Amino acid sequence: MPLRLIYVTCENREEALKIANETVKNRLAACANIIGDITSVYWWDGTIQEGQEVALILKTREDLTEKLTAKIMELHSYTCPCVVAFPIEGGNSAFLDWIESETRS
């Protein structure tokens, strides 16, 4: 079963924890990592913005990506949050099997 890393930027640690807990609890993700204090520079409303955010990385199955994205969008405070999926091409097979097993109902 193909697996994915889902990268999300959040307004703060509390928001990232809320999304992490809810998605893991619902088995949409096997686990989450919160990486604090990143600086984001981006275009928004016609000007360059700069802000402090935290990064959230979720591990899941490819077939759950759409459902997981919908849940993130439901919980996220941003109008247009960064939610992107990257394929997991390899790694520790025991860990990859664990991701798959922990995202099964």
PDB file of N, CA and C in Angstrom:
ATOM      1  N   MET A   1       0.846  -1.183   0.000  1.00  0.00           N
ATOM      2  CA  MET A   1       0.000   0.000   0.000  1.00  0.00           C
ATOM      3  C   MET A   1       0.893   1.249   0.000  1.00  0.00           C
ATOM      4  N   PRO A   2       0.728   2.157  -0.963  1.00  0.00           N
ATOM      5  CA  PRO A   2       1.530   3.389  -0.987  1.00  0.00           C
ATOM      6  C   PRO A   2       1.238   4.270   0.235  1.00  0.00           C
ATOM      7  N   LEU A   3       2.287   4.934   0.714  1.00  0.00           N
ATOM      8  CA  LEU A   3       2.188   5.787   1.898  1.00  0.00           C
ATOM      9  C   LEU A   3       2.539   7.221   1.539  1.00  0.00           C
ATOM     10  N   ARG A   4       2.119   8.149   2.406  1.00  0.00           N
ATOM     11  CA  ARG A   4       2.351   9.573   2.166  1.00  0.00           C
ATOM     12  C   ARG A   4       2.791  10.286   3.436  1.00  0.00           C
ATOM     13  N   LEU A   5       3.639  11.315   3.265  1.00  0.00           N
ATOM     14  CA  LEU A   5       3.913  12.315   4.284  1.00  0.00           C
ATOM     15  C   LEU A   5       3.050  13.518   3.927  1.00  0.00           C
ATOM     16  N   ILE A   6       2.316  14.033   4.882  1.00  0.00           N
ATOM     17  CA  ILE A   6       1.477  15.206   4.669  1.00  0.00           C
ATOM     18  C   ILE A   6       2.110  16.361   5.430  1.00  0.00           C
ATOM     19  N   TYR A   7       2.460  17.416   4.712  1.00  0.00           N
ATOM     20  CA  TYR A   7       3.093  18.596   5.296  1.00  0.00           C
ATOM     21  C   TYR A   7       2.048  19.694   5.427  1.00  0.00           C
ATOM     22  N   VAL A   8       1.939  20.253   6.629  1.00  0.00           N
ATOM     23  CA  VAL A   8       0.944  21.290   6.929  1.00  0.00           C
ATOM     24  C   VAL A   8       1.641  22.401   7.705  1.00  0.00           C
ATOM     25  N   THR A   9       1.319  23.651   7.392  1.00  0.00           N
ATOM     26  CA  THR A   9       1.780  24.734   8.254  1.00  0.00           C
ATOM     27  C   THR A   9       0.591  25.209   9.078  1.00  0.00           C
ATOM     28  N   CYS A  10       0.856  25.518  10.342  1.00  0.00           N
ATOM     29  CA  CYS A  10      -0.196  25.920  11.283  1.00  0.00           C
ATOM     30  C   CYS A  10       0.166  27.244  11.930  1.00  0.00           C
ATOM     31  N   GLU A  11      -0.857  27.933  12.385  1.00  0.00           N
ATOM     32  CA  GLU A  11      -0.668  29.248  13.009  1.00  0.00           C
ATOM     33  C   GLU A  11       0.193  29.169  14.270  1.00  0.00           C
ATOM     34  N   ASN A  12       0.019  28.096  15.046  1.00  0.00           N
ATOM     35  CA  ASN A  12       0.750  27.966  16.305  1.00  0.00           C
ATOM     36  C   ASN A  12       0.750  26.508  16.754  1.00  0.00           C
ATOM     37  N   ARG A  13       1.458  26.244  17.833  1.00  0.00           N
ATOM     38  CA  ARG A  13       1.586  24.880  18.356  1.00  0.00           C
ATOM     39  C   ARG A  13       0.235  24.306  18.775  1.00  0.00           C
ATOM     40  N   GLU A  14      -0.611  25.123  19.363  1.00  0.00           N
ATOM     41  CA  GLU A  14      -1.921  24.650  19.822  1.00  0.00           C
ATOM     42  C   GLU A  14      -2.760  24.138  18.645  1.00  0.00           C
ATOM     43  N   GLU A  15      -2.756  24.882  17.548  1.00  0.00           N
ATOM     44  CA  GLU A  15      -3.500  24.443  16.375  1.00  0.00           C
ATOM     45  C   GLU A  15      -2.919  23.147  15.812  1.00  0.00           C
ATOM     46  N   ALA A  16      -1.596  23.062  15.741  1.00  0.00           N
ATOM     47  CA  ALA A  16      -0.950  21.849  15.237  1.00  0.00           C
ATOM     48  C   ALA A  16      -1.280  20.649  16.126  1.00  0.00           C
ATOM     49  N   LEU A  17      -1.263  20.848  17.452  1.00  0.00           N
ATOM     50  CA  LEU A  17      -1.606  19.761  18.384  1.00  0.00           C
ATOM     51  C   LEU A  17      -3.064  19.320  18.213  1.00  0.00           C
ATOM     52  N   LYS A  18      -3.952  20.276  18.027  1.00  0.00           N
ATOM     53  CA  LYS A  18      -5.365  19.957  17.828  1.00  0.00           C
ATOM     54  C   LYS A  18      -5.546  19.091  16.567  1.00  0.00           C
ATOM     55  N   ILE A  19      -4.927  19.510  15.484  1.00  0.00           N
ATOM     56  CA  ILE A  19      -5.030  18.762  14.228  1.00  0.00           C
ATOM     57  C   ILE A  19      -4.367  17.396  14.375  1.00  0.00           C
ATOM     58  N   ALA A  20      -3.185  17.351  14.986  1.00  0.00           N
ATOM     59  CA  ALA A  20      -2.464  16.087  15.181  1.00  0.00           C
ATOM     60  C   ALA A  20      -3.299  15.114  15.999  1.00  0.00           C
ATOM     61  N   ASN A  21      -3.798  15.562  17.136  1.00  0.00           N
ATOM     62  CA  ASN A  21      -4.574  14.674  18.006  1.00  0.00           C
ATOM     63  C   ASN A  21      -5.836  14.162  17.326  1.00  0.00           C
ATOM     64  N   GLU A  22      -6.535  15.027  16.644  1.00  0.00           N
ATOM     65  CA  GLU A  22      -7.795  14.633  16.006  1.00  0.00           C
ATOM     66  C   GLU A  22      -7.560  13.654  14.851  1.00  0.00           C
ATOM     67  N   THR A  23      -6.541  13.888  14.051  1.00  0.00           N
ATOM     68  CA  THR A  23      -6.294  13.012  12.902  1.00  0.00           C
ATOM     69  C   THR A  23      -5.732  11.662  13.324  1.00  0.00           C
ATOM     70  N   VAL A  24      -4.877  11.647  14.350  1.00  0.00           N
ATOM     71  CA  VAL A  24      -4.350  10.367  14.843  1.00  0.00           C
ATOM     72  C   VAL A  24      -5.465   9.595  15.555  1.00  0.00           C
ATOM     73  N   LYS A  25      -6.261  10.285  16.370  1.00  0.00           N
ATOM     74  CA  LYS A  25      -7.367   9.635  17.081  1.00  0.00           C
ATOM     75  C   LYS A  25      -8.327   8.947  16.110  1.00  0.00           C
ATOM     76  N   ASN A  26      -8.583   9.597  14.975  1.00  0.00           N
ATOM     77  CA  ASN A  26      -9.495   9.046  13.971  1.00  0.00           C
ATOM     78  C   ASN A  26      -8.811   8.108  12.983  1.00  0.00           C
ATOM     79  N   ARG A  27      -7.550   7.771  13.253  1.00  0.00           N
ATOM     80  CA  ARG A  27      -6.751   6.849  12.431  1.00  0.00           C
ATOM     81  C   ARG A  27      -6.605   7.296  10.974  1.00  0.00           C
ATOM     82  N   LEU A  28      -6.678   8.610  10.769  1.00  0.00           N
ATOM     83  CA  LEU A  28      -6.392   9.159   9.448  1.00  0.00           C
ATOM     84  C   LEU A  28      -4.888   9.304   9.250  1.00  0.00           C
ATOM     85  N   ALA A  29      -4.154   9.356  10.358  1.00  0.00           N
ATOM     86  CA  ALA A  29      -2.692   9.396  10.348  1.00  0.00           C
ATOM     87  C   ALA A  29      -2.193   8.470  11.447  1.00  0.00           C
ATOM     88  N   ALA A  30      -1.056   7.849  11.203  1.00  0.00           N
ATOM     89  CA  ALA A  30      -0.465   6.962  12.213  1.00  0.00           C
ATOM     90  C   ALA A  30       0.259   7.765  13.282  1.00  0.00           C
ATOM     91  N   CYS A  31       0.859   8.869  12.887  1.00  0.00           N
ATOM     92  CA  CYS A  31       1.573   9.710  13.837  1.00  0.00           C
ATOM     93  C   CYS A  31       1.757  11.095  13.256  1.00  0.00           C
ATOM     94  N   ALA A  32       2.178  12.008  14.125  1.00  0.00           N
ATOM     95  CA  ALA A  32       2.384  13.400  13.728  1.00  0.00           C
ATOM     96  C   ALA A  32       3.650  13.934  14.382  1.00  0.00           C
ATOM     97  N   ASN A  33       4.338  14.801  13.672  1.00  0.00           N
ATOM     98  CA  ASN A  33       5.496  15.517  14.217  1.00  0.00           C
ATOM     99  C   ASN A  33       5.202  17.007  14.110  1.00  0.00           C
ATOM    100  N   ILE A  34       5.458  17.719  15.185  1.00  0.00           N
ATOM    101  CA  ILE A  34       5.284  19.165  15.189  1.00  0.00           C
ATOM    102  C   ILE A  34       6.666  19.790  15.302  1.00  0.00           C
ATOM    103  N   ILE A  35       6.992  20.619  14.328  1.00  0.00           N
ATOM    104  CA  ILE A  35       8.284  21.283  14.274  1.00  0.00           C
ATOM    105  C   ILE A  35       8.016  22.765  14.512  1.00  0.00           C
ATOM    106  N   GLY A  36       8.553  23.302  15.581  1.00  0.00           N
ATOM    107  CA  GLY A  36       8.191  24.650  16.001  1.00  0.00           C
ATOM    108  C   GLY A  36       9.013  25.759  15.380  1.00  0.00           C
ATOM    109  N   ASP A  37       8.435  26.932  15.490  1.00  0.00           N
ATOM    110  CA  ASP A  37       9.099  28.187  15.144  1.00  0.00           C
ATOM    111  C   ASP A  37       9.770  28.196  13.779  1.00  0.00           C
ATOM    112  N   ILE A  38       8.953  28.145  12.744  1.00  0.00           N
ATOM    113  CA  ILE A  38       9.463  28.349  11.393  1.00  0.00           C
ATOM    114  C   ILE A  38       9.027  29.737  10.932  1.00  0.00           C
ATOM    115  N   THR A  39       9.811  30.344  10.093  1.00  0.00           N
ATOM    116  CA  THR A  39       9.444  31.625   9.503  1.00  0.00           C
ATOM    117  C   THR A  39       8.999  31.366   8.077  1.00  0.00           C
ATOM    118  N   SER A  40       7.806  31.833   7.751  1.00  0.00           N
ATOM    119  CA  SER A  40       7.268  31.661   6.407  1.00  0.00           C
ATOM    120  C   SER A  40       7.214  33.018   5.707  1.00  0.00           C
ATOM    121  N   VAL A  41       7.634  33.037   4.458  1.00  0.00           N
ATOM    122  CA  VAL A  41       7.570  34.225   3.615  1.00  0.00           C
ATOM    123  C   VAL A  41       6.749  33.830   2.397  1.00  0.00           C
ATOM    124  N   TYR A  42       5.700  34.602   2.094  1.00  0.00           N
ATOM    125  CA  TYR A  42       4.755  34.186   1.050  1.00  0.00           C
ATOM    126  C   TYR A  42       3.968  35.377   0.518  1.00  0.00           C
ATOM    127  N   TRP A  43       3.408  35.196  -0.677  1.00  0.00           N
ATOM    128  CA  TRP A  43       2.499  36.186  -1.247  1.00  0.00           C
ATOM    129  C   TRP A  43       1.107  35.946  -0.681  1.00  0.00           C
ATOM    130  N   TRP A  44       0.429  37.037  -0.247  1.00  0.00           N
ATOM    131  CA  TRP A  44      -0.969  36.946   0.192  1.00  0.00           C
ATOM    132  C   TRP A  44      -1.585  38.327   0.035  1.00  0.00           C
ATOM    133  N   ASP A  45      -2.745  38.379  -0.587  1.00  0.00           N
ATOM    134  CA  ASP A  45      -3.456  39.642  -0.817  1.00  0.00           C
ATOM    135  C   ASP A  45      -2.582  40.667  -1.539  1.00  0.00           C
ATOM    136  N   GLY A  46      -1.786  40.192  -2.491  1.00  0.00           N
ATOM    137  CA  GLY A  46      -1.009  41.081  -3.338  1.00  0.00           C
ATOM    138  C   GLY A  46       0.272  41.630  -2.751  1.00  0.00           C
ATOM    139  N   THR A  47       0.632  41.195  -1.546  1.00  0.00           N
ATOM    140  CA  THR A  47       1.886  41.664  -0.950  1.00  0.00           C
ATOM    141  C   THR A  47       2.642  40.489  -0.339  1.00  0.00           C
ATOM    142  N   ILE A  48       3.927  40.695  -0.152  1.00  0.00           N
ATOM    143  CA  ILE A  48       4.740  39.671   0.497  1.00  0.00           C
ATOM    144  C   ILE A  48       4.518  39.771   2.001  1.00  0.00           C
ATOM    145  N   GLN A  49       4.199  38.636   2.589  1.00  0.00           N
ATOM    146  CA  GLN A  49       3.956  38.536   4.022  1.00  0.00           C
ATOM    147  C   GLN A  49       5.082  37.736   4.669  1.00  0.00           C
ATOM    148  N   GLU A  50       5.279  37.947   5.945  1.00  0.00           N
ATOM    149  CA  GLU A  50       6.226  37.153   6.721  1.00  0.00           C
ATOM    150  C   GLU A  50       5.566  36.840   8.052  1.00  0.00           C
ATOM    151  N   GLY A  51       5.636  35.583   8.463  1.00  0.00           N
ATOM    152  CA  GLY A  51       5.006  35.226   9.720  1.00  0.00           C
ATOM    153  C   GLY A  51       5.652  34.023  10.368  1.00  0.00           C
ATOM    154  N   GLN A  52       5.398  33.876  11.646  1.00  0.00           N
ATOM    155  CA  GLN A  52       5.870  32.721  12.408  1.00  0.00           C
ATOM    156  C   GLN A  52       4.780  31.650  12.391  1.00  0.00           C
ATOM    157  N   GLU A  53       5.172  30.434  12.120  1.00  0.00           N
ATOM    158  CA  GLU A  53       4.261  29.302  12.079  1.00  0.00           C
ATOM    159  C   GLU A  53       4.953  28.095  12.684  1.00  0.00           C
ATOM    160  N   VAL A  54       4.240  26.992  12.758  1.00  0.00           N
ATOM    161  CA  VAL A  54       4.836  25.696  13.071  1.00  0.00           C
ATOM    162  C   VAL A  54       4.489  24.747  11.936  1.00  0.00           C
ATOM    163  N   ALA A  55       5.352  23.774  11.718  1.00  0.00           N
ATOM    164  CA  ALA A  55       5.121  22.764  10.690  1.00  0.00           C
ATOM    165  C   ALA A  55       4.581  21.499  11.353  1.00  0.00           C
ATOM    166  N   LEU A  56       3.650  20.878  10.677  1.00  0.00           N
ATOM    167  CA  LEU A  56       3.063  19.615  11.124  1.00  0.00           C
ATOM    168  C   LEU A  56       3.286  18.599  10.017  1.00  0.00           C
ATOM    169  N   ILE A  57       3.859  17.455  10.363  1.00  0.00           N
ATOM    170  CA  ILE A  57       4.081  16.381   9.395  1.00  0.00           C
ATOM    171  C   ILE A  57       3.314  15.161   9.881  1.00  0.00           C
ATOM    172  N   LEU A  58       2.443  14.653   9.019  1.00  0.00           N
ATOM    173  CA  LEU A  58       1.621  13.481   9.323  1.00  0.00           C
ATOM    174  C   LEU A  58       2.026  12.342   8.403  1.00  0.00           C
ATOM    175  N   LYS A  59       1.953  11.101   8.911  1.00  0.00           N
ATOM    176  CA  LYS A  59       2.246   9.923   8.100  1.00  0.00           C
ATOM    177  C   LYS A  59       0.954   9.129   7.932  1.00  0.00           C
ATOM    178  N   THR A  60       0.651   8.768   6.672  1.00  0.00           N
ATOM    179  CA  THR A  60      -0.611   8.096   6.385  1.00  0.00           C
ATOM    180  C   THR A  60      -0.509   7.236   5.135  1.00  0.00           C
ATOM    181  N   ARG A  61      -1.612   6.572   4.824  1.00  0.00           N
ATOM    182  CA  ARG A  61      -1.717   5.808   3.577  1.00  0.00           C
ATOM    183  C   ARG A  61      -2.187   6.726   2.453  1.00  0.00           C
ATOM    184  N   GLU A  62      -1.782   6.409   1.244  1.00  0.00           N
ATOM    185  CA  GLU A  62      -2.178   7.210   0.086  1.00  0.00           C
ATOM    186  C   GLU A  62      -3.700   7.310  -0.034  1.00  0.00           C
ATOM    187  N   ASP A  63      -4.410   6.204   0.199  1.00  0.00           N
ATOM    188  CA  ASP A  63      -5.862   6.214   0.016  1.00  0.00           C
ATOM    189  C   ASP A  63      -6.594   7.040   1.071  1.00  0.00           C
ATOM    190  N   LEU A  64      -5.904   7.472   2.124  1.00  0.00           N
ATOM    191  CA  LEU A  64      -6.520   8.323   3.145  1.00  0.00           C
ATOM    192  C   LEU A  64      -6.208   9.806   2.946  1.00  0.00           C
ATOM    193  N   THR A  65      -5.395  10.133   1.956  1.00  0.00           N
ATOM    194  CA  THR A  65      -4.941  11.509   1.756  1.00  0.00           C
ATOM    195  C   THR A  65      -6.109  12.483   1.598  1.00  0.00           C
ATOM    196  N   GLU A  66      -7.081  12.146   0.794  1.00  0.00           N
ATOM    197  CA  GLU A  66      -8.212  13.049   0.556  1.00  0.00           C
ATOM    198  C   GLU A  66      -9.039  13.256   1.832  1.00  0.00           C
ATOM    199  N   LYS A  67      -9.319  12.177   2.545  1.00  0.00           N
ATOM    200  CA  LYS A  67     -10.087  12.254   3.787  1.00  0.00           C
ATOM    201  C   LYS A  67      -9.313  13.024   4.862  1.00  0.00           C
ATOM    202  N   LEU A  68      -8.013  12.775   4.954  1.00  0.00           N
ATOM    203  CA  LEU A  68      -7.159  13.474   5.910  1.00  0.00           C
ATOM    204  C   LEU A  68      -7.115  14.964   5.592  1.00  0.00           C
ATOM    205  N   THR A  69      -6.960  15.306   4.324  1.00  0.00           N
ATOM    206  CA  THR A  69      -6.941  16.711   3.907  1.00  0.00           C
ATOM    207  C   THR A  69      -8.250  17.398   4.273  1.00  0.00           C
ATOM    208  N   ALA A  70      -9.369  16.730   4.049  1.00  0.00           N
ATOM    209  CA  ALA A  70     -10.674  17.306   4.396  1.00  0.00           C
ATOM    210  C   ALA A  70     -10.769  17.570   5.896  1.00  0.00           C
ATOM    211  N   LYS A  71     -10.268  16.660   6.727  1.00  0.00           N
ATOM    212  CA  LYS A  71     -10.305  16.836   8.184  1.00  0.00           C
ATOM    213  C   LYS A  71      -9.403  18.003   8.592  1.00  0.00           C
ATOM    214  N   ILE A  72      -8.235  18.109   7.981  1.00  0.00           N
ATOM    215  CA  ILE A  72      -7.337  19.225   8.285  1.00  0.00           C
ATOM    216  C   ILE A  72      -8.020  20.545   7.940  1.00  0.00           C
ATOM    217  N   MET A  73      -8.653  20.601   6.769  1.00  0.00           N
ATOM    218  CA  MET A  73      -9.336  21.822   6.339  1.00  0.00           C
ATOM    219  C   MET A  73     -10.460  22.193   7.307  1.00  0.00           C
ATOM    220  N   GLU A  74     -11.142  21.202   7.836  1.00  0.00           N
ATOM    221  CA  GLU A  74     -12.228  21.427   8.798  1.00  0.00           C
ATOM    222  C   GLU A  74     -11.687  22.032  10.101  1.00  0.00           C
ATOM    223  N   LEU A  75     -10.510  21.601  10.539  1.00  0.00           N
ATOM    224  CA  LEU A  75      -9.952  22.010  11.830  1.00  0.00           C
ATOM    225  C   LEU A  75      -9.059  23.252  11.758  1.00  0.00           C
ATOM    226  N   HIS A  76      -8.572  23.583  10.580  1.00  0.00           N
ATOM    227  CA  HIS A  76      -7.560  24.631  10.413  1.00  0.00           C
ATOM    228  C   HIS A  76      -8.188  26.022  10.441  1.00  0.00           C
ATOM    229  N   SER A  77      -7.445  26.981  10.973  1.00  0.00           N
ATOM    230  CA  SER A  77      -7.941  28.359  11.074  1.00  0.00           C
ATOM    231  C   SER A  77      -7.715  29.178   9.796  1.00  0.00           C
ATOM    232  N   TYR A  78      -6.808  28.751   8.927  1.00  0.00           N
ATOM    233  CA  TYR A  78      -6.494  29.533   7.731  1.00  0.00           C
ATOM    234  C   TYR A  78      -7.561  29.360   6.656  1.00  0.00           C
ATOM    235  N   THR A  79      -7.726  30.387   5.842  1.00  0.00           N
ATOM    236  CA  THR A  79      -8.621  30.338   4.686  1.00  0.00           C
ATOM    237  C   THR A  79      -8.090  29.356   3.641  1.00  0.00           C
ATOM    238  N   CYS A  80      -6.772  29.377   3.448  1.00  0.00           N
ATOM    239  CA  CYS A  80      -6.129  28.543   2.425  1.00  0.00           C
ATOM    240  C   CYS A  80      -4.865  27.915   3.012  1.00  0.00           C
ATOM    241  N   PRO A  81      -5.014  26.904   3.893  1.00  0.00           N
ATOM    242  CA  PRO A  81      -3.832  26.342   4.544  1.00  0.00           C
ATOM    243  C   PRO A  81      -2.955  25.534   3.583  1.00  0.00           C
ATOM    244  N   CYS A  82      -1.677  25.523   3.878  1.00  0.00           N
ATOM    245  CA  CYS A  82      -0.738  24.665   3.161  1.00  0.00           C
ATOM    246  C   CYS A  82      -0.967  23.229   3.629  1.00  0.00           C
ATOM    247  N   VAL A  83      -1.432  22.386   2.727  1.00  0.00           N
ATOM    248  CA  VAL A  83      -1.564  20.949   2.982  1.00  0.00           C
ATOM    249  C   VAL A  83      -1.080  20.265   1.704  1.00  0.00           C
ATOM    250  N   VAL A  84       0.081  19.629   1.767  1.00  0.00           N
ATOM    251  CA  VAL A  84       0.626  18.960   0.587  1.00  0.00           C
ATOM    252  C   VAL A  84       1.077  17.549   0.951  1.00  0.00           C
ATOM    253  N   ALA A  85       0.983  16.655  -0.019  1.00  0.00           N
ATOM    254  CA  ALA A  85       1.325  15.251   0.189  1.00  0.00           C
ATOM    255  C   ALA A  85       2.565  14.885  -0.620  1.00  0.00           C
ATOM    256  N   PHE A  86       3.451  14.129   0.012  1.00  0.00           N
ATOM    257  CA  PHE A  86       4.656  13.632  -0.635  1.00  0.00           C
ATOM    258  C   PHE A  86       4.674  12.110  -0.539  1.00  0.00           C
ATOM    259  N   PRO A  87       5.015  11.425  -1.618  1.00  0.00           N
ATOM    260  CA  PRO A  87       5.094   9.969  -1.534  1.00  0.00           C
ATOM    261  C   PRO A  87       6.273   9.525  -0.681  1.00  0.00           C
ATOM    262  N   ILE A  88       6.070   8.472   0.068  1.00  0.00           N
ATOM    263  CA  ILE A  88       7.156   7.835   0.808  1.00  0.00           C
ATOM    264  C   ILE A  88       7.702   6.744  -0.104  1.00  0.00           C
ATOM    265  N   GLU A  89       8.934   6.893  -0.525  1.00  0.00           N
ATOM    266  CA  GLU A  89       9.527   5.997  -1.509  1.00  0.00           C
ATOM    267  C   GLU A  89      10.219   4.788  -0.897  1.00  0.00           C
ATOM    268  N   GLY A  90      10.542   4.849   0.375  1.00  0.00           N
ATOM    269  CA  GLY A  90      11.239   3.738   1.013  1.00  0.00           C
ATOM    270  C   GLY A  90      11.555   4.099   2.444  1.00  0.00           C
ATOM    271  N   GLY A  91      12.292   3.231   3.095  1.00  0.00           N
ATOM    272  CA  GLY A  91      12.683   3.464   4.479  1.00  0.00           C
ATOM    273  C   GLY A  91      12.629   2.186   5.280  1.00  0.00           C
ATOM    274  N   ASN A  92      12.565   2.319   6.583  1.00  0.00           N
ATOM    275  CA  ASN A  92      12.488   1.183   7.495  1.00  0.00           C
ATOM    276  C   ASN A  92      11.180   0.438   7.251  1.00  0.00           C
ATOM    277  N   SER A  93      11.252  -0.750   6.720  1.00  0.00           N
ATOM    278  CA  SER A  93      10.032  -1.490   6.347  1.00  0.00           C
ATOM    279  C   SER A  93       9.145  -1.765   7.557  1.00  0.00           C
ATOM    280  N   ALA A  94       9.730  -1.980   8.720  1.00  0.00           N
ATOM    281  CA  ALA A  94       8.914  -2.205   9.921  1.00  0.00           C
ATOM    282  C   ALA A  94       8.116  -0.943  10.266  1.00  0.00           C
ATOM    283  N   PHE A  95       8.737   0.236  10.131  1.00  0.00           N
ATOM    284  CA  PHE A  95       8.036   1.493  10.386  1.00  0.00           C
ATOM    285  C   PHE A  95       6.951   1.729   9.349  1.00  0.00           C
ATOM    286  N   LEU A  96       7.240   1.452   8.095  1.00  0.00           N
ATOM    287  CA  LEU A  96       6.248   1.631   7.033  1.00  0.00           C
ATOM    288  C   LEU A  96       5.059   0.690   7.241  1.00  0.00           C
ATOM    289  N   ASP A  97       5.323  -0.541   7.652  1.00  0.00           N
ATOM    290  CA  ASP A  97       4.234  -1.477   7.979  1.00  0.00           C
ATOM    291  C   ASP A  97       3.414  -0.956   9.150  1.00  0.00           C
ATOM    292  N   TRP A  98       4.078  -0.350  10.125  1.00  0.00           N
ATOM    293  CA  TRP A  98       3.392   0.214  11.282  1.00  0.00           C
ATOM    294  C   TRP A  98       2.443   1.338  10.874  1.00  0.00           C
ATOM    295  N   ILE A  99       2.888   2.226   9.967  1.00  0.00           N
ATOM    296  CA  ILE A  99       2.005   3.299   9.466  1.00  0.00           C
ATOM    297  C   ILE A  99       0.741   2.686   8.886  1.00  0.00           C
ATOM    298  N   GLU A 100       0.922   1.676   8.051  1.00  0.00           N
ATOM    299  CA  GLU A 100      -0.225   1.036   7.418  1.00  0.00           C
ATOM    300  C   GLU A 100      -1.149   0.400   8.464  1.00  0.00           C
ATOM    301  N   SER A 101      -0.595  -0.304   9.431  1.00  0.00           N
ATOM    302  CA  SER A 101      -1.436  -0.985  10.413  1.00  0.00           C
ATOM    303  C   SER A 101      -2.160  -0.003  11.338  1.00  0.00           C
ATOM    304  N   GLU A 102      -1.525   1.118  11.686  1.00  0.00           N
ATOM    305  CA  GLU A 102      -2.141   2.079  12.601  1.00  0.00           C
ATOM    306  C   GLU A 102      -3.204   2.963  11.945  1.00  0.00           C
ATOM    307  N   THR A 103      -3.289   2.913  10.629  1.00  0.00           N
ATOM    308  CA  THR A 103      -4.328   3.685   9.935  1.00  0.00           C
ATOM    309  C   THR A 103      -5.464   2.790   9.461  1.00  0.00           C
ATOM    310  N   ARG A 104      -5.523   1.592   9.981  1.00  0.00           N
ATOM    311  CA  ARG A 104      -6.637   0.681   9.696  1.00  0.00           C
ATOM    312  C   ARG A 104      -7.646   0.787  10.823  1.00  0.00           C
ATOM    313  N   SER A 105      -8.904   0.782  10.480  1.00  0.00           N
ATOM    314  CA  SER A 105      -9.969   0.875  11.504  1.00  0.00           C
ATOM    315  C   SER A 105      -9.990  -0.345  12.393  1.00  0.00           C
TER     316      SER A 105
END
